[in-house]
PDB file of N, CA and C in Angstrom:
ATOM      1  N   MET A   1     133.556 166.629  96.798  1.00  0.00           N
ATOM      2  CA  MET A   1     134.991 166.453  96.978  1.00  0.00           C
ATOM      3  C   MET A   1     135.434 165.180  96.265  1.00  0.00           C
ATOM      4  N   ALA A   2     136.613 165.202  95.714  1.00  0.00           N
ATOM      5  CA  ALA A   2     137.151 164.055  94.978  1.00  0.00           C
ATOM      6  C   ALA A   2     137.448 162.909  95.935  1.00  0.00           C
ATOM      7  N   PRO A   3     137.412 161.695  95.434  1.00  0.00           N
ATOM      8  CA  PRO A   3     137.690 160.552  96.297  1.00  0.00           C
ATOM      9  C   PRO A   3     139.139 160.557  96.752  1.00  0.00           C
ATOM     10  N   ILE A   4     139.353 160.138  97.970  1.00  0.00           N
ATOM     11  CA  ILE A   4     140.704 159.951  98.477  1.00  0.00           C
ATOM     12  C   ILE A   4     141.075 158.511  98.183  1.00  0.00           C
ATOM     13  N   ILE A   5     142.030 158.345  97.319  1.00  0.00           N
ATOM     14  CA  ILE A   5     142.412 157.004  96.883  1.00  0.00           C
ATOM     15  C   ILE A   5     143.505 156.508  97.808  1.00  0.00           C
ATOM     16  N   ASP A   6     143.169 155.541  98.602  1.00  0.00           N
ATOM     17  CA  ASP A   6     144.099 155.009  99.588  1.00  0.00           C
ATOM     18  C   ASP A   6     144.645 153.680  99.100  1.00  0.00           C
ATOM     19  N   PHE A   7     145.801 153.723  98.476  1.00  0.00           N
ATOM     20  CA  PHE A   7     146.398 152.508  97.942  1.00  0.00           C
ATOM     21  C   PHE A   7     146.971 151.628  99.041  1.00  0.00           C
ATOM     22  N   ASP A   8     147.124 152.180 100.234  1.00  0.00           N
ATOM     23  CA  ASP A   8     147.597 151.359 101.345  1.00  0.00           C
ATOM     24  C   ASP A   8     146.564 150.304 101.710  1.00  0.00           C
ATOM     25  N   LYS A   9     145.286 150.623 101.544  1.00  0.00           N
ATOM     26  CA  LYS A   9     144.226 149.674 101.856  1.00  0.00           C
ATOM     27  C   LYS A   9     143.968 148.715 100.700  1.00  0.00           C
ATOM     28  N   GLU A  10     144.369 149.128  99.494  1.00  0.00           N
ATOM     29  CA  GLU A  10     144.158 148.321  98.295  1.00  0.00           C
ATOM     30  C   GLU A  10     145.254 147.254  98.226  1.00  0.00           C
ATOM     31  N   PRO A  11     144.881 145.970  98.100  1.00  0.00           N
ATOM     32  CA  PRO A  11     145.910 144.943  98.014  1.00  0.00           C
ATOM     33  C   PRO A  11     146.758 145.125  96.757  1.00  0.00           C
ATOM     34  N   GLU A  12     148.051 144.921  96.884  1.00  0.00           N
ATOM     35  CA  GLU A  12     148.959 145.069  95.746  1.00  0.00           C
ATOM     36  C   GLU A  12     148.755 143.902  94.797  1.00  0.00           C
ATOM     37  N   ARG A  13     148.363 144.224  93.589  1.00  0.00           N
ATOM     38  CA  ARG A  13     148.123 143.201  92.575  1.00  0.00           C
ATOM     39  C   ARG A  13     148.898 143.574  91.319  1.00  0.00           C
ATOM     40  N   LEU A  14     149.097 142.585  90.468  1.00  0.00           N
ATOM     41  CA  LEU A  14     149.743 142.873  89.190  1.00  0.00           C
ATOM     42  C   LEU A  14     148.798 143.606  88.257  1.00  0.00           C
ATOM     43  N   TYR A  15     147.534 143.196  88.260  1.00  0.00           N
ATOM     44  CA  TYR A  15     146.551 143.787  87.355  1.00  0.00           C
ATOM     45  C   TYR A  15     145.253 144.070  88.095  1.00  0.00           C
ATOM     46  N   TYR A  16     144.636 145.188  87.697  1.00  0.00           N
ATOM     47  CA  TYR A  16     143.358 145.593  88.264  1.00  0.00           C
ATOM     48  C   TYR A  16     142.320 145.589  87.144  1.00  0.00           C
ATOM     49  N   PRO A  17     141.203 144.877  87.314  1.00  0.00           N
ATOM     50  CA  PRO A  17     140.154 144.924  86.286  1.00  0.00           C
ATOM     51  C   PRO A  17     139.534 146.319  86.230  1.00  0.00           C
ATOM     52  N   ILE A  18     138.968 146.646  85.090  1.00  0.00           N
ATOM     53  CA  ILE A  18     138.429 147.990  84.880  1.00  0.00           C
ATOM     54  C   ILE A  18     137.350 148.336  85.905  1.00  0.00           C
ATOM     55  N   GLY A  19     136.562 147.366  86.319  1.00  0.00           N
ATOM     56  CA  GLY A  19     135.525 147.635  87.322  1.00  0.00           C
ATOM     57  C   GLY A  19     136.118 148.087  88.647  1.00  0.00           C
ATOM     58  N   ASP A  20     137.205 147.459  89.059  1.00  0.00           N
ATOM     59  CA  ASP A  20     137.869 147.854  90.305  1.00  0.00           C
ATOM     60  C   ASP A  20     138.484 149.244  90.184  1.00  0.00           C
ATOM     61  N   VAL A  21     139.061 149.529  89.027  1.00  0.00           N
ATOM     62  CA  VAL A  21     139.662 150.845  88.801  1.00  0.00           C
ATOM     63  C   VAL A  21     138.581 151.923  88.812  1.00  0.00           C
ATOM     64  N   ALA A  22     137.474 151.657  88.139  1.00  0.00           N
ATOM     65  CA  ALA A  22     136.371 152.620  88.109  1.00  0.00           C
ATOM     66  C   ALA A  22     135.824 152.862  89.515  1.00  0.00           C
ATOM     67  N   GLU A  23     135.708 151.808  90.292  1.00  0.00           N
ATOM     68  CA  GLU A  23     135.223 151.941  91.677  1.00  0.00           C
ATOM     69  C   GLU A  23     136.212 152.739  92.524  1.00  0.00           C
ATOM     70  N   LEU A  24     137.490 152.516  92.301  1.00  0.00           N
ATOM     71  CA  LEU A  24     138.532 153.221  93.038  1.00  0.00           C
ATOM     72  C   LEU A  24     138.425 154.729  92.837  1.00  0.00           C
ATOM     73  N   PHE A  25     138.115 155.144  91.596  1.00  0.00           N
ATOM     74  CA  PHE A  25     137.990 156.563  91.279  1.00  0.00           C
ATOM     75  C   PHE A  25     136.562 157.077  91.378  1.00  0.00           C
ATOM     76  N   GLN A  26     135.624 156.190  91.684  1.00  0.00           N
ATOM     77  CA  GLN A  26     134.210 156.536  91.798  1.00  0.00           C
ATOM     78  C   GLN A  26     133.687 157.173  90.504  1.00  0.00           C
ATOM     79  N   VAL A  27     134.021 156.515  89.371  1.00  0.00           N
ATOM     80  CA  VAL A  27     133.542 156.938  88.054  1.00  0.00           C
ATOM     81  C   VAL A  27     133.026 155.707  87.325  1.00  0.00           C
ATOM     82  N   ASN A  28     132.359 155.916  86.196  1.00  0.00           N
ATOM     83  CA  ASN A  28     131.892 154.804  85.371  1.00  0.00           C
ATOM     84  C   ASN A  28     133.050 154.196  84.593  1.00  0.00           C
ATOM     85  N   ALA A  29     132.949 152.908  84.322  1.00  0.00           N
ATOM     86  CA  ALA A  29     133.971 152.233  83.520  1.00  0.00           C
ATOM     87  C   ALA A  29     134.063 152.843  82.130  1.00  0.00           C
ATOM     88  N   SER A  30     132.953 153.376  81.630  1.00  0.00           N
ATOM     89  CA  SER A  30     132.974 153.993  80.300  1.00  0.00           C
ATOM     90  C   SER A  30     133.908 155.206  80.266  1.00  0.00           C
ATOM     91  N   LEU A  31     134.007 155.939  81.365  1.00  0.00           N
ATOM     92  CA  LEU A  31     134.922 157.078  81.416  1.00  0.00           C
ATOM     93  C   LEU A  31     136.368 156.594  81.365  1.00  0.00           C
ATOM     94  N   ILE A  32     136.658 155.511  82.048  1.00  0.00           N
ATOM     95  CA  ILE A  32     138.010 154.945  82.017  1.00  0.00           C
ATOM     96  C   ILE A  32     138.344 154.505  80.594  1.00  0.00           C
ATOM     97  N   ARG A  33     137.417 153.861  79.910  1.00  0.00           N
ATOM     98  CA  ARG A  33     137.635 153.440  78.516  1.00  0.00           C
ATOM     99  C   ARG A  33     137.845 154.659  77.613  1.00  0.00           C
ATOM    100  N   PHE A  34     137.068 155.710  77.842  1.00  0.00           N
ATOM    101  CA  PHE A  34     137.204 156.936  77.050  1.00  0.00           C
ATOM    102  C   PHE A  34     138.583 157.550  77.249  1.00  0.00           C
ATOM    103  N   TRP A  35     139.010 157.655  78.512  1.00  0.00           N
ATOM    104  CA  TRP A  35     140.330 158.220  78.792  1.00  0.00           C
ATOM    105  C   TRP A  35     141.432 157.358  78.182  1.00  0.00           C
ATOM    106  N   GLU A  36     141.227 156.059  78.146  1.00  0.00           N
ATOM    107  CA  GLU A  36     142.211 155.168  77.531  1.00  0.00           C
ATOM    108  C   GLU A  36     142.422 155.536  76.067  1.00  0.00           C
ATOM    109  N   LYS A  37     141.344 155.868  75.376  1.00  0.00           N
ATOM    110  CA  LYS A  37     141.442 156.250  73.965  1.00  0.00           C
ATOM    111  C   LYS A  37     142.082 157.623  73.798  1.00  0.00           C
ATOM    112  N   GLU A  38     141.845 158.510  74.749  1.00  0.00           N
ATOM    113  CA  GLU A  38     142.318 159.889  74.644  1.00  0.00           C
ATOM    114  C   GLU A  38     143.774 160.086  75.085  1.00  0.00           C
ATOM    115  N   PHE A  39     144.233 159.310  76.035  1.00  0.00           N
ATOM    116  CA  PHE A  39     145.565 159.513  76.613  1.00  0.00           C
ATOM    117  C   PHE A  39     146.469 158.333  76.273  1.00  0.00           C
ATOM    118  N   ASP A  40     147.560 158.632  75.586  1.00  0.00           N
ATOM    119  CA  ASP A  40     148.493 157.599  75.146  1.00  0.00           C
ATOM    120  C   ASP A  40     149.220 156.908  76.308  1.00  0.00           C
ATOM    121  N   ILE A  41     149.285 157.553  77.453  1.00  0.00           N
ATOM    122  CA  ILE A  41     150.017 156.945  78.574  1.00  0.00           C
ATOM    123  C   ILE A  41     149.254 155.781  79.206  1.00  0.00           C
ATOM    124  N   LEU A  42     147.985 155.639  78.879  1.00  0.00           N
ATOM    125  CA  LEU A  42     147.198 154.515  79.400  1.00  0.00           C
ATOM    126  C   LEU A  42     147.261 153.362  78.406  1.00  0.00           C
ATOM    127  N   LYS A  43     147.840 152.277  78.843  1.00  0.00           N
ATOM    128  CA  LYS A  43     147.979 151.114  77.973  1.00  0.00           C
ATOM    129  C   LYS A  43     147.645 149.833  78.744  1.00  0.00           C
ATOM    130  N   PRO A  44     146.367 149.645  79.077  1.00  0.00           N
ATOM    131  CA  PRO A  44     146.028 148.428  79.818  1.00  0.00           C
ATOM    132  C   PRO A  44     146.203 147.194  78.936  1.00  0.00           C
ATOM    133  N   LYS A  45     146.517 146.110  79.584  1.00  0.00           N
ATOM    134  CA  LYS A  45     146.609 144.826  78.886  1.00  0.00           C
ATOM    135  C   LYS A  45     145.181 144.341  78.649  1.00  0.00           C
ATOM    136  N   LYS A  46     145.033 143.450  77.693  1.00  0.00           N
ATOM    137  CA  LYS A  46     143.724 142.833  77.468  1.00  0.00           C
ATOM    138  C   LYS A  46     143.916 141.324  77.474  1.00  0.00           C
ATOM    139  N   ASN A  47     143.010 140.654  78.195  1.00  0.00           N
ATOM    140  CA  ASN A  47     143.099 139.198  78.229  1.00  0.00           C
ATOM    141  C   ASN A  47     142.437 138.610  76.988  1.00  0.00           C
ATOM    142  N   LYS A  48     142.344 137.295  76.926  1.00  0.00           N
ATOM    143  CA  LYS A  48     141.784 136.638  75.744  1.00  0.00           C
ATOM    144  C   LYS A  48     140.339 137.039  75.479  1.00  0.00           C
ATOM    145  N   LYS A  49     139.618 137.373  76.532  1.00  0.00           N
ATOM    146  CA  LYS A  49     138.228 137.805  76.389  1.00  0.00           C
ATOM    147  C   LYS A  49     138.119 139.272  75.983  1.00  0.00           C
ATOM    148  N   GLY A  50     139.224 139.992  76.037  1.00  0.00           N
ATOM    149  CA  GLY A  50     139.214 141.412  75.704  1.00  0.00           C
ATOM    150  C   GLY A  50     138.997 142.326  76.894  1.00  0.00           C
ATOM    151  N   ASN A  51     138.984 141.758  78.100  1.00  0.00           N
ATOM    152  CA  ASN A  51     138.822 142.569  79.309  1.00  0.00           C
ATOM    153  C   ASN A  51     140.095 143.356  79.585  1.00  0.00           C
ATOM    154  N   ARG A  52     139.929 144.611  79.951  1.00  0.00           N
ATOM    155  CA  ARG A  52     141.073 145.468  80.248  1.00  0.00           C
ATOM    156  C   ARG A  52     141.612 145.156  81.643  1.00  0.00           C
ATOM    157  N   LEU A  53     142.927 145.056  81.719  1.00  0.00           N
ATOM    158  CA  LEU A  53     143.611 144.823  82.984  1.00  0.00           C
ATOM    159  C   LEU A  53     144.662 145.909  83.154  1.00  0.00           C
ATOM    160  N   PHE A  54     144.504 146.711  84.190  1.00  0.00           N
ATOM    161  CA  PHE A  54     145.370 147.857  84.414  1.00  0.00           C
ATOM    162  C   PHE A  54     146.483 147.517  85.396  1.00  0.00           C
ATOM    163  N   THR A  55     147.693 147.970  85.081  1.00  0.00           N
ATOM    164  CA  THR A  55     148.824 147.794  85.985  1.00  0.00           C
ATOM    165  C   THR A  55     148.799 148.918  87.023  1.00  0.00           C
ATOM    166  N   ALA A  56     149.656 148.802  88.025  1.00  0.00           N
ATOM    167  CA  ALA A  56     149.769 149.859  89.032  1.00  0.00           C
ATOM    168  C   ALA A  56     150.215 151.168  88.376  1.00  0.00           C
ATOM    169  N   GLU A  57     151.053 151.066  87.351  1.00  0.00           N
ATOM    170  CA  GLU A  57     151.494 152.269  86.627  1.00  0.00           C
ATOM    171  C   GLU A  57     150.317 152.924  85.906  1.00  0.00           C
ATOM    172  N   ASP A  58     149.454 152.118  85.306  1.00  0.00           N
ATOM    173  CA  ASP A  58     148.258 152.660  84.658  1.00  0.00           C
ATOM    174  C   ASP A  58     147.374 153.382  85.672  1.00  0.00           C
ATOM    175  N   VAL A  59     147.216 152.786  86.837  1.00  0.00           N
ATOM    176  CA  VAL A  59     146.383 153.398  87.882  1.00  0.00           C
ATOM    177  C   VAL A  59     147.001 154.716  88.345  1.00  0.00           C
ATOM    178  N   ALA A  60     148.330 154.747  88.472  1.00  0.00           N
ATOM    179  CA  ALA A  60     149.002 155.992  88.856  1.00  0.00           C
ATOM    180  C   ALA A  60     148.797 157.062  87.786  1.00  0.00           C
ATOM    181  N   ASN A  61     148.865 156.672  86.515  1.00  0.00           N
ATOM    182  CA  ASN A  61     148.610 157.628  85.435  1.00  0.00           C
ATOM    183  C   ASN A  61     147.157 158.103  85.449  1.00  0.00           C
ATOM    184  N   LEU A  62     146.247 157.210  85.758  1.00  0.00           N
ATOM    185  CA  LEU A  62     144.843 157.602  85.872  1.00  0.00           C
ATOM    186  C   LEU A  62     144.633 158.590  87.014  1.00  0.00           C
ATOM    187  N   ARG A  63     145.381 158.426  88.091  1.00  0.00           N
ATOM    188  CA  ARG A  63     145.278 159.374  89.205  1.00  0.00           C
ATOM    189  C   ARG A  63     145.621 160.780  88.738  1.00  0.00           C
ATOM    190  N   VAL A  64     146.673 160.904  87.924  1.00  0.00           N
ATOM    191  CA  VAL A  64     147.084 162.215  87.426  1.00  0.00           C
ATOM    192  C   VAL A  64     146.022 162.772  86.478  1.00  0.00           C
ATOM    193  N   ILE A  65     145.519 161.930  85.586  1.00  0.00           N
ATOM    194  CA  ILE A  65     144.474 162.369  84.648  1.00  0.00           C
ATOM    195  C   ILE A  65     143.231 162.798  85.412  1.00  0.00           C
ATOM    196  N   PHE A  66     142.825 162.012  86.390  1.00  0.00           N
ATOM    197  CA  PHE A  66     141.663 162.341  87.216  1.00  0.00           C
ATOM    198  C   PHE A  66     141.874 163.691  87.900  1.00  0.00           C
ATOM    199  N   HIS A  67     143.049 163.893  88.447  1.00  0.00           N
ATOM    200  CA  HIS A  67     143.371 165.144  89.143  1.00  0.00           C
ATOM    201  C   HIS A  67     143.238 166.335  88.192  1.00  0.00           C
ATOM    202  N   LEU A  68     143.812 166.200  87.006  1.00  0.00           N
ATOM    203  CA  LEU A  68     143.786 167.310  86.059  1.00  0.00           C
ATOM    204  C   LEU A  68     142.376 167.594  85.544  1.00  0.00           C
ATOM    205  N   VAL A  69     141.676 166.551  85.149  1.00  0.00           N
ATOM    206  CA  VAL A  69     140.379 166.735  84.488  1.00  0.00           C
ATOM    207  C   VAL A  69     139.256 166.978  85.493  1.00  0.00           C
ATOM    208  N   LYS A  70     139.163 166.162  86.506  1.00  0.00           N
ATOM    209  CA  LYS A  70     138.025 166.243  87.432  1.00  0.00           C
ATOM    210  C   LYS A  70     138.229 167.247  88.559  1.00  0.00           C
ATOM    211  N   GLU A  71     139.445 167.331  89.081  1.00  0.00           N
ATOM    212  CA  GLU A  71     139.674 168.213  90.220  1.00  0.00           C
ATOM    213  C   GLU A  71     140.089 169.621  89.794  1.00  0.00           C
ATOM    214  N   LYS A  72     140.969 169.710  88.820  1.00  0.00           N
ATOM    215  CA  LYS A  72     141.464 171.015  88.380  1.00  0.00           C
ATOM    216  C   LYS A  72     140.629 171.618  87.250  1.00  0.00           C
ATOM    217  N   GLY A  73     139.806 170.797  86.592  1.00  0.00           N
ATOM    218  CA  GLY A  73     138.919 171.305  85.556  1.00  0.00           C
ATOM    219  C   GLY A  73     139.573 171.526  84.201  1.00  0.00           C
ATOM    220  N   TYR A  74     140.694 170.885  83.946  1.00  0.00           N
ATOM    221  CA  TYR A  74     141.349 171.010  82.651  1.00  0.00           C
ATOM    222  C   TYR A  74     140.502 170.341  81.570  1.00  0.00           C
ATOM    223  N   THR A  75     140.593 170.873  80.355  1.00  0.00           N
ATOM    224  CA  THR A  75     140.014 170.185  79.214  1.00  0.00           C
ATOM    225  C   THR A  75     140.918 168.998  78.896  1.00  0.00           C
ATOM    226  N   LEU A  76     140.454 168.100  78.057  1.00  0.00           N
ATOM    227  CA  LEU A  76     141.292 166.953  77.691  1.00  0.00           C
ATOM    228  C   LEU A  76     142.568 167.416  77.004  1.00  0.00           C
ATOM    229  N   GLU A  77     142.452 168.392  76.118  1.00  0.00           N
ATOM    230  CA  GLU A  77     143.642 168.914  75.432  1.00  0.00           C
ATOM    231  C   GLU A  77     144.595 169.579  76.424  1.00  0.00           C
ATOM    232  N   GLY A  78     144.043 170.331  77.354  1.00  0.00           N
ATOM    233  CA  GLY A  78     144.875 170.968  78.370  1.00  0.00           C
ATOM    234  C   GLY A  78     145.578 169.947  79.245  1.00  0.00           C
ATOM    235  N   ALA A  79     144.874 168.894  79.598  1.00  0.00           N
ATOM    236  CA  ALA A  79     145.468 167.834  80.421  1.00  0.00           C
ATOM    237  C   ALA A  79     146.581 167.130  79.651  1.00  0.00           C
ATOM    238  N   LYS A  80     146.378 166.904  78.358  1.00  0.00           N
ATOM    239  CA  LYS A  80     147.414 166.266  77.541  1.00  0.00           C
ATOM    240  C   LYS A  80     148.669 167.118  77.496  1.00  0.00           C
ATOM    241  N   LYS A  81     148.493 168.435  77.334  1.00  0.00           N
ATOM    242  CA  LYS A  81     149.642 169.341  77.290  1.00  0.00           C
ATOM    243  C   LYS A  81     150.380 169.351  78.629  1.00  0.00           C
ATOM    244  N   MET A  82     149.628 169.371  79.719  1.00  0.00           N
ATOM    245  CA  MET A  82     150.262 169.358  81.039  1.00  0.00           C
ATOM    246  C   MET A  82     151.044 168.070  81.256  1.00  0.00           C
ATOM    247  N   LEU A  83     150.494 166.954  80.822  1.00  0.00           N
ATOM    248  CA  LEU A  83     151.190 165.676  80.965  1.00  0.00           C
ATOM    249  C   LEU A  83     152.476 165.656  80.156  1.00  0.00           C
ATOM    250  N   GLU A  84     152.450 166.245  78.966  1.00  0.00           N
ATOM    251  CA  GLU A  84     153.655 166.313  78.146  1.00  0.00           C
ATOM    252  C   GLU A  84     154.716 167.179  78.804  1.00  0.00           C
ATOM    253  N   GLN A  85     154.299 168.298  79.371  1.00  0.00           N
ATOM    254  CA  GLN A  85     155.239 169.261  79.932  1.00  0.00           C
ATOM    255  C   GLN A  85     155.742 168.859  81.320  1.00  0.00           C
ATOM    256  N   LYS A  86     154.839 168.376  82.162  1.00  0.00           N
ATOM    257  CA  LYS A  86     155.183 168.161  83.575  1.00  0.00           C
ATOM    258  C   LYS A  86     154.738 166.802  84.086  1.00  0.00           C
ATOM    259  N   GLY A  87     154.808 165.777  83.282  1.00  0.00           N
ATOM    260  CA  GLY A  87     154.288 164.466  83.653  1.00  0.00           C
ATOM    261  C   GLY A  87     154.829 163.926  84.967  1.00  0.00           C
ATOM    262  N   ASP A  88     156.156 163.880  85.125  1.00  0.00           N
ATOM    263  CA  ASP A  88     156.745 163.321  86.341  1.00  0.00           C
ATOM    264  C   ASP A  88     156.456 164.188  87.559  1.00  0.00           C
ATOM    265  N   THR A  89     156.523 165.490  87.379  1.00  0.00           N
ATOM    266  CA  THR A  89     156.252 166.412  88.479  1.00  0.00           C
ATOM    267  C   THR A  89     154.804 166.303  88.926  1.00  0.00           C
ATOM    268  N   LEU A  90     153.889 166.194  87.961  1.00  0.00           N
ATOM    269  CA  LEU A  90     152.469 166.064  88.296  1.00  0.00           C
ATOM    270  C   LEU A  90     152.191 164.801  89.091  1.00  0.00           C
ATOM    271  N   ALA A  91     152.795 163.697  88.682  1.00  0.00           N
ATOM    272  CA  ALA A  91     152.579 162.434  89.393  1.00  0.00           C
ATOM    273  C   ALA A  91     153.015 162.558  90.847  1.00  0.00           C
ATOM    274  N   ARG A  92     154.161 163.182  91.068  1.00  0.00           N
ATOM    275  CA  ARG A  92     154.657 163.371  92.436  1.00  0.00           C
ATOM    276  C   ARG A  92     153.740 164.298  93.221  1.00  0.00           C
ATOM    277  N   ASP A  93     153.295 165.385  92.582  1.00  0.00           N
ATOM    278  CA  ASP A  93     152.411 166.332  93.259  1.00  0.00           C
ATOM    279  C   ASP A  93     151.082 165.690  93.661  1.00  0.00           C
ATOM    280  N   VAL A  94     150.523 164.869  92.777  1.00  0.00           N
ATOM    281  CA  VAL A  94     149.265 164.187  93.076  1.00  0.00           C
ATOM    282  C   VAL A  94     149.457 163.216  94.235  1.00  0.00           C
ATOM    283  N   GLU A  95     150.565 162.509  94.236  1.00  0.00           N
ATOM    284  CA  GLU A  95     150.843 161.574  95.324  1.00  0.00           C
ATOM    285  C   GLU A  95     150.975 162.308  96.662  1.00  0.00           C
ATOM    286  N   ILE A  96     151.654 163.438  96.657  1.00  0.00           N
ATOM    287  CA  ILE A  96     151.809 164.239  97.879  1.00  0.00           C
ATOM    288  C   ILE A  96     150.448 164.741  98.347  1.00  0.00           C
ATOM    289  N   LYS A  97     149.632 165.235  97.405  1.00  0.00           N
ATOM    290  CA  LYS A  97     148.299 165.746  97.763  1.00  0.00           C
ATOM    291  C   LYS A  97     147.450 164.664  98.424  1.00  0.00           C
ATOM    292  N   GLU A  98     147.479 163.461  97.842  1.00  0.00           N
ATOM    293  CA  GLU A  98     146.674 162.383  98.407  1.00  0.00           C
ATOM    294  C   GLU A  98     147.200 161.938  99.767  1.00  0.00           C
ATOM    295  N   THR A  99     148.505 161.970  99.949  1.00  0.00           N
ATOM    296  CA  THR A  99     149.075 161.648 101.254  1.00  0.00           C
ATOM    297  C   THR A  99     148.622 162.667 102.294  1.00  0.00           C
ATOM    298  N   LEU A 100     148.630 163.935 101.917  1.00  0.00           N
ATOM    299  CA  LEU A 100     148.166 164.978 102.833  1.00  0.00           C
ATOM    300  C   LEU A 100     146.680 164.837 103.153  1.00  0.00           C
ATOM    301  N   LEU A 101     145.876 164.488 102.152  1.00  0.00           N
ATOM    302  CA  LEU A 101     144.443 164.290 102.392  1.00  0.00           C
ATOM    303  C   LEU A 101     144.185 163.111 103.326  1.00  0.00           C
ATOM    304  N   ARG A 102     144.940 162.025 103.127  1.00  0.00           N
ATOM    305  CA  ARG A 102     144.790 160.869 104.030  1.00  0.00           C
ATOM    306  C   ARG A 102     145.201 161.238 105.457  1.00  0.00           C
ATOM    307  N   THR A 103     146.262 162.025 105.585  1.00  0.00           N
ATOM    308  CA  THR A 103     146.726 162.459 106.903  1.00  0.00           C
ATOM    309  C   THR A 103     145.676 163.338 107.565  1.00  0.00           C
ATOM    310  N   ARG A 104     145.108 164.243 106.795  1.00  0.00           N
ATOM    311  CA  ARG A 104     144.054 165.124 107.328  1.00  0.00           C
ATOM    312  C   ARG A 104     142.852 164.311 107.797  1.00  0.00           C
ATOM    313  N   LYS A 105     142.441 163.352 106.974  1.00  0.00           N
ATOM    314  CA  LYS A 105     141.302 162.506 107.338  1.00  0.00           C
ATOM    315  C   LYS A 105     141.597 161.751 108.632  1.00  0.00           C
ATOM    316  N   PHE A 106     142.801 161.210 108.747  1.00  0.00           N
ATOM    317  CA  PHE A 106     143.187 160.493 109.964  1.00  0.00           C
ATOM    318  C   PHE A 106     143.129 161.420 111.173  1.00  0.00           C
ATOM    319  N   LEU A 107     143.665 162.633 111.038  1.00  0.00           N
ATOM    320  CA  LEU A 107     143.671 163.576 112.157  1.00  0.00           C
ATOM    321  C   LEU A 107     142.259 164.014 112.545  1.00  0.00           C
ATOM    322  N   GLU A 108     141.385 164.184 111.551  1.00  0.00           N
ATOM    323  CA  GLU A 108     139.997 164.540 111.853  1.00  0.00           C
ATOM    324  C   GLU A 108     139.293 163.409 112.595  1.00  0.00           C
ATOM    325  N   GLU A 109     139.558 162.179 112.187  1.00  0.00           N
ATOM    326  CA  GLU A 109     138.973 161.040 112.885  1.00  0.00           C
ATOM    327  C   GLU A 109     139.510 160.928 114.303  1.00  0.00           C
ATOM    328  N   LEU A 110     140.791 161.198 114.457  1.00  0.00           N
ATOM    329  CA  LEU A 110     141.413 161.175 115.789  1.00  0.00           C
ATOM    330  C   LEU A 110     140.818 162.252 116.677  1.00  0.00           C
ATOM    331  N   LYS A 111     140.631 163.432 116.124  1.00  0.00           N
ATOM    332  CA  LYS A 111     140.038 164.548 116.876  1.00  0.00           C
ATOM    333  C   LYS A 111     138.622 164.204 117.325  1.00  0.00           C
ATOM    334  N   ALA A 112     137.858 163.541 116.436  1.00  0.00           N
ATOM    335  CA  ALA A 112     136.479 163.182 116.774  1.00  0.00           C
ATOM    336  C   ALA A 112     136.433 162.179 117.917  1.00  0.00           C
ATOM    337  N   GLN A 113     137.465 161.369 118.060  1.00  0.00           N
ATOM    338  CA  GLN A 113     137.500 160.357 119.125  1.00  0.00           C
ATOM    339  C   GLN A 113     137.897 160.943 120.457  1.00  0.00           C
ATOM    340  N   LEU A 114     138.512 162.118 120.458  1.00  0.00           N
ATOM    341  CA  LEU A 114     138.964 162.722 121.724  1.00  0.00           C
ATOM    342  C   LEU A 114     137.851 163.361 122.499  1.00  0.00           C
TER     343      LEU A 114
END
């Protein structure tokens, strides 16, 4: 099952280092770098050392890419086409899905305590 990304537990920061982003999605940093090259919507900043720093918007875009590629099984080309056609709708749908998954997890934990 895909990771449930709970941004409520994640402290709000201006920038997220690539290691934190990779851990958040439970993937290797190399995959994040690869997706950065493949998807134009990912534009992390780079500091003087060349380290990638992702904004909250970048992380939200990665959530959509992760959903399409890892959960739905789209090819990279298919995911690019979907982002072009339904980018805003997809972002909202992914956010709703994750909210529902967090709610389900909470209810299951509550049920186990009863």
